[in-house]
């Protein structure tokens, strides 16, 4: 049978219950498109791809955990995804070239994704308020004859809601850094640069690099299962001396290009500058015997990544960006992203102010780790009528807390599990701990898009739960007027009947479905 003879169901009507169809109806596409097109020029450059296609492709990529090439192929093969992107009919062509993903990540950044998350949260809250008003049966007796409006002084809104705060690290997909491995890689890159310069100069005789000897000495120590501190220190000194020789040779070769165009490409220039910084840092630590240094570089190709000490059981040090995140009603916001380690307590004010800008009022209580409960933060929260859920500072009070207050305090501290679960969702389901981008800005965009997609998932779950509540409420009322049905008695006569009963009890057979018109 040829491919043309294979029958396809695309001629029939699409299923309205499909997840991409329902998700497309929940997203405020016009508002998101306005955020995306805000800084784009209308009269310069080539015409851009449709905003809904761009945003939808980003959602599909991170929701399914696909790479750039696989995302384009999946969209081309799935009719529901093409409907989700706003296409009017099915097409066999790619929506755009997969290399455009890199430019889109650089163009959008973390700022636009945070603005899109705010639009999603506002849209979801507006739909909730509208549904509550429509379902409420109580009516105002004076609704038809409203009283005349009186000028009243503006009263600031009361504090409402719970604001959960915490911080985490989004790990980059880099080789686990060691001082010895980093120096060996820097030495290999310096040897490659020397080869490039000698080729452009046309010199047959290259400066001595001792590359075979240097690699042999490195592997002798790197392959050891158990290395002593003395062996590692000796091997680091050897690699430092080899790298120092190569850097001097590189500078001599570059001096021969005076008055000419710089011979190295942009990427090789960056690598050359990075390995010089690595040499200076490692030489300083080698001479002083220190184990750390300020702004330490741990990767040649991603020099913006820093080691962040977290003290977790899995790994005491993580390599990536530190995130400061807030959570309200299940919706998260990425308030701060930094490539350097910082004390998360300094972000409490900014997170509370962002909450106020988004909702129009301050939170009633801030639930966070004890590190956020500094004297300055507690004083700032008290001035705005915001309660901090942590324990009070200083000595414990003489008057013991009542059982109700103890239960309330424990309950609020357990609510911190929600934001911890949000971190677990991002890292286990959406690769928040395996960021694969190569530049700092595209990495920030990757991370912010994951939090944006998790808000979408929350909206979809809220819709399904509200639908279930509506069915639970309306189904008994709809079936109230129907005659009661009596189930026929069933007596198993053979082994097959008994097996069918067991399968129905395990949920293998499909349950009875009620279809309401």
Foldseek 3Di string as FASTA:
>chain_A
DDPVPDDDPPVDDDDCPDPLNVLLVLAPQVVLQCLLCVPPDDPDDDDDQRSLQLLLLLLQCLQQVHALVVSQVVCLVDPSSCVSSVDPDRDNDGSDDSVCLLVSLLSCFLVSLLVSLLVSVVSLVVVVVVVVVVPDPDDDPCPVPDDDDDDDDDDADDAAFEKEKDKDFQFEADDFFDLLVVLLVLLVLLVVLQVQLCVVVVDPDGDDLCNVVLVVLSCVQVVDPDDDPVSVLVNSVSSLVSNVVSLVSNVVSQVVQPPHPRRDDPQSVQLNVQSVVSSVVSVVCSVVVDDDDPLHAGDSLERLWDWDQDCDPVDRIGIGWMWMWMATPRAIGTQDIHRDDDQNLVCPVVVQVVVCVSPVHGHQEYEYDCSNPDPVNCVVCVVRNYYYLDDDDDDDDPDDDDPVNVVVSVVSNVVNVSVVVVVVCCCVSRVSNYQHDRYDRSSSSSNSSSSSSSSSVVSSVVVVVVVVVVCVVCVCVVCVPPDDDDDDDDDDDDPVVVVVVVCVVVVNDPDDDDDDD
